[in-house]
Amino acid sequence: MKQVEVKRRIQRAAQARRIQWRLVRQGGRHEVWQCGRTKVTIPRHREINEITAEGIFTTLE
């Protein structure tokens, strides 16, 4: 799954629930985003492994 698709999917879900979705910080190979009170690390690669993407979605649910 592309990184842009992962971010877009999370952003739409956050907007639907009226939760703030913001970038906290950027590292060399990853970004830390915050959705409400939950922080999640997203790899900065064009393609993100499907298992990793599902783990990110599960963390944010």
N, C-alpha and C. Protein backbone atom coordinates (compact mmCIF):
# COMPACT_ATOMS: atom_id res chain seq x y z
N MET A 1 0.84 -1.16 0.00
CA MET A 1 0.00 0.00 0.00
C MET A 1 0.90 1.24 0.00
N LYS A 2 0.52 2.22 -0.77
CA LYS A 2 1.33 3.43 -0.84
C LYS A 2 1.16 4.27 0.42
N GLN A 3 2.23 4.97 0.78
CA GLN A 3 2.22 5.81 1.98
C GLN A 3 1.11 6.86 1.89
N VAL A 4 0.93 7.43 0.73
CA VAL A 4 -0.09 8.46 0.54
C VAL A 4 -1.48 7.89 0.82
N GLU A 5 -1.72 6.65 0.39
CA GLU A 5 -3.01 6.01 0.62
C GLU A 5 -3.25 5.77 2.11
N VAL A 6 -2.20 5.37 2.83
CA VAL A 6 -2.32 5.14 4.27
C VAL A 6 -2.70 6.45 4.97
N LYS A 7 -1.98 7.51 4.67
CA LYS A 7 -2.26 8.81 5.30
C LYS A 7 -3.65 9.32 4.93
N ARG A 8 -4.03 9.16 3.68
CA ARG A 8 -5.34 9.63 3.22
C ARG A 8 -6.46 8.87 3.94
N ARG A 9 -6.30 7.57 4.08
CA ARG A 9 -7.32 6.75 4.75
C ARG A 9 -7.48 7.16 6.22
N ILE A 10 -6.36 7.41 6.88
CA ILE A 10 -6.41 7.84 8.28
C ILE A 10 -7.02 9.23 8.40
N GLN A 11 -6.63 10.12 7.50
CA GLN A 11 -7.14 11.49 7.54
C GLN A 11 -8.65 11.52 7.35
N ARG A 12 -9.16 10.75 6.41
CA ARG A 12 -10.61 10.72 6.18
C ARG A 12 -11.36 10.17 7.39
N ALA A 13 -10.81 9.12 8.00
CA ALA A 13 -11.45 8.55 9.19
C ALA A 13 -11.43 9.55 10.35
N ALA A 14 -10.33 10.28 10.49
CA ALA A 14 -10.22 11.28 11.55
C ALA A 14 -11.22 12.42 11.33
N GLN A 15 -11.35 12.86 10.09
CA GLN A 15 -12.29 13.94 9.79
C GLN A 15 -13.73 13.50 10.05
N ALA A 16 -14.04 12.25 9.72
CA ALA A 16 -15.39 11.74 9.94
C ALA A 16 -15.73 11.71 11.42
N ARG A 17 -14.73 11.47 12.26
CA ARG A 17 -14.94 11.41 13.71
C ARG A 17 -14.62 12.73 14.40
N ARG A 18 -14.25 13.72 13.61
CA ARG A 18 -13.89 15.06 14.12
C ARG A 18 -12.74 14.99 15.12
N ILE A 19 -11.71 14.23 14.72
CA ILE A 19 -10.50 14.09 15.53
C ILE A 19 -9.36 14.77 14.79
N GLN A 20 -8.50 15.45 15.53
CA GLN A 20 -7.37 16.13 14.91
C GLN A 20 -6.31 15.12 14.48
N TRP A 21 -5.78 15.27 13.27
CA TRP A 21 -4.74 14.42 12.70
C TRP A 21 -3.60 15.35 12.34
N ARG A 22 -2.46 15.24 13.06
CA ARG A 22 -1.37 16.19 12.82
C ARG A 22 -0.01 15.51 12.88
N LEU A 23 0.94 16.12 12.19
CA LEU A 23 2.32 15.65 12.19
C LEU A 23 3.01 16.16 13.45
N VAL A 24 3.61 15.24 14.22
CA VAL A 24 4.30 15.61 15.45
C VAL A 24 5.76 15.90 15.15
N ARG A 25 6.43 14.95 14.46
CA ARG A 25 7.84 15.16 14.10
C ARG A 25 8.22 14.24 12.96
N GLN A 26 9.36 14.57 12.34
CA GLN A 26 9.89 13.77 11.25
C GLN A 26 11.27 13.27 11.62
N GLY A 27 11.52 12.02 11.33
CA GLY A 27 12.84 11.44 11.53
C GLY A 27 13.46 11.17 10.18
N GLY A 28 14.56 10.47 10.17
CA GLY A 28 15.23 10.16 8.92
C GLY A 28 14.44 9.21 8.03
N ARG A 29 13.84 8.20 8.65
CA ARG A 29 13.14 7.18 7.87
C ARG A 29 11.67 7.03 8.26
N HIS A 30 11.19 7.86 9.15
CA HIS A 30 9.81 7.74 9.58
C HIS A 30 9.26 9.09 10.02
N GLU A 31 7.94 9.13 10.16
CA GLU A 31 7.24 10.31 10.66
C GLU A 31 6.37 9.87 11.83
N VAL A 32 6.22 10.73 12.81
CA VAL A 32 5.34 10.44 13.93
C VAL A 32 4.12 11.35 13.80
N TRP A 33 2.95 10.74 13.73
CA TRP A 33 1.69 11.45 13.59
C TRP A 33 0.86 11.22 14.84
N GLN A 34 -0.02 12.17 15.13
CA GLN A 34 -0.90 12.04 16.28
C GLN A 34 -2.34 12.16 15.81
N CYS A 35 -3.15 11.21 16.23
CA CYS A 35 -4.58 11.20 15.91
C CYS A 35 -5.32 11.17 17.24
N GLY A 36 -5.85 12.30 17.64
CA GLY A 36 -6.45 12.39 18.98
C GLY A 36 -5.34 12.31 20.01
N ARG A 37 -5.40 11.30 20.88
CA ARG A 37 -4.36 11.11 21.89
C ARG A 37 -3.36 10.04 21.50
N THR A 38 -3.59 9.36 20.40
CA THR A 38 -2.76 8.24 19.99
C THR A 38 -1.69 8.69 19.01
N LYS A 39 -0.44 8.32 19.28
CA LYS A 39 0.66 8.60 18.36
C LYS A 39 1.00 7.34 17.60
N VAL A 40 1.33 7.50 16.32
CA VAL A 40 1.66 6.36 15.48
C VAL A 40 2.84 6.74 14.60
N THR A 41 3.73 5.78 14.37
CA THR A 41 4.89 5.98 13.52
C THR A 41 4.58 5.42 12.14
N ILE A 42 4.80 6.25 11.12
CA ILE A 42 4.57 5.82 9.74
C ILE A 42 5.89 5.87 9.00
N PRO A 43 6.31 4.76 8.40
CA PRO A 43 7.56 4.75 7.65
C PRO A 43 7.49 5.72 6.46
N ARG A 44 8.60 6.34 6.16
CA ARG A 44 8.64 7.26 5.03
C ARG A 44 9.20 6.52 3.81
N HIS A 45 8.38 5.65 3.26
CA HIS A 45 8.72 4.91 2.05
C HIS A 45 7.54 5.05 1.10
N ARG A 46 7.80 4.92 -0.18
CA ARG A 46 6.70 4.98 -1.14
C ARG A 46 5.71 3.86 -0.89
N GLU A 47 6.22 2.66 -0.70
CA GLU A 47 5.38 1.49 -0.46
C GLU A 47 5.53 1.05 0.99
N ILE A 48 4.41 0.83 1.65
CA ILE A 48 4.40 0.33 3.02
C ILE A 48 3.83 -1.08 2.98
N ASN A 49 4.48 -2.00 3.65
CA ASN A 49 4.04 -3.38 3.71
C ASN A 49 2.59 -3.44 4.20
N GLU A 50 1.79 -4.33 3.62
CA GLU A 50 0.38 -4.46 3.99
C GLU A 50 0.21 -4.78 5.48
N ILE A 51 1.08 -5.63 6.01
CA ILE A 51 0.99 -6.00 7.42
C ILE A 51 1.27 -4.79 8.30
N THR A 52 2.26 -3.99 7.91
CA THR A 52 2.58 -2.77 8.66
C THR A 52 1.42 -1.79 8.60
N ALA A 53 0.83 -1.62 7.43
CA ALA A 53 -0.31 -0.71 7.27
C ALA A 53 -1.48 -1.15 8.15
N GLU A 54 -1.77 -2.43 8.16
CA GLU A 54 -2.87 -2.94 9.00
C GLU A 54 -2.57 -2.72 10.48
N GLY A 55 -1.30 -2.86 10.87
CA GLY A 55 -0.91 -2.59 12.25
C GLY A 55 -1.13 -1.14 12.64
N ILE A 56 -0.84 -0.24 11.71
CA ILE A 56 -1.06 1.19 11.95
C ILE A 56 -2.55 1.46 12.13
N PHE A 57 -3.37 0.89 11.25
CA PHE A 57 -4.82 1.09 11.34
C PHE A 57 -5.38 0.53 12.64
N THR A 58 -4.88 -0.63 13.05
CA THR A 58 -5.34 -1.26 14.28
C THR A 58 -4.98 -0.41 15.50
N THR A 59 -3.79 0.16 15.49
CA THR A 59 -3.35 1.01 16.60
C THR A 59 -4.26 2.22 16.75
N LEU A 60 -4.73 2.75 15.64
CA LEU A 60 -5.53 3.97 15.67
C LEU A 60 -7.02 3.73 15.92
N GLU A 61 -7.47 2.50 15.91
CA GLU A 61 -8.91 2.23 16.12
C GLU A 61 -9.35 2.43 17.52
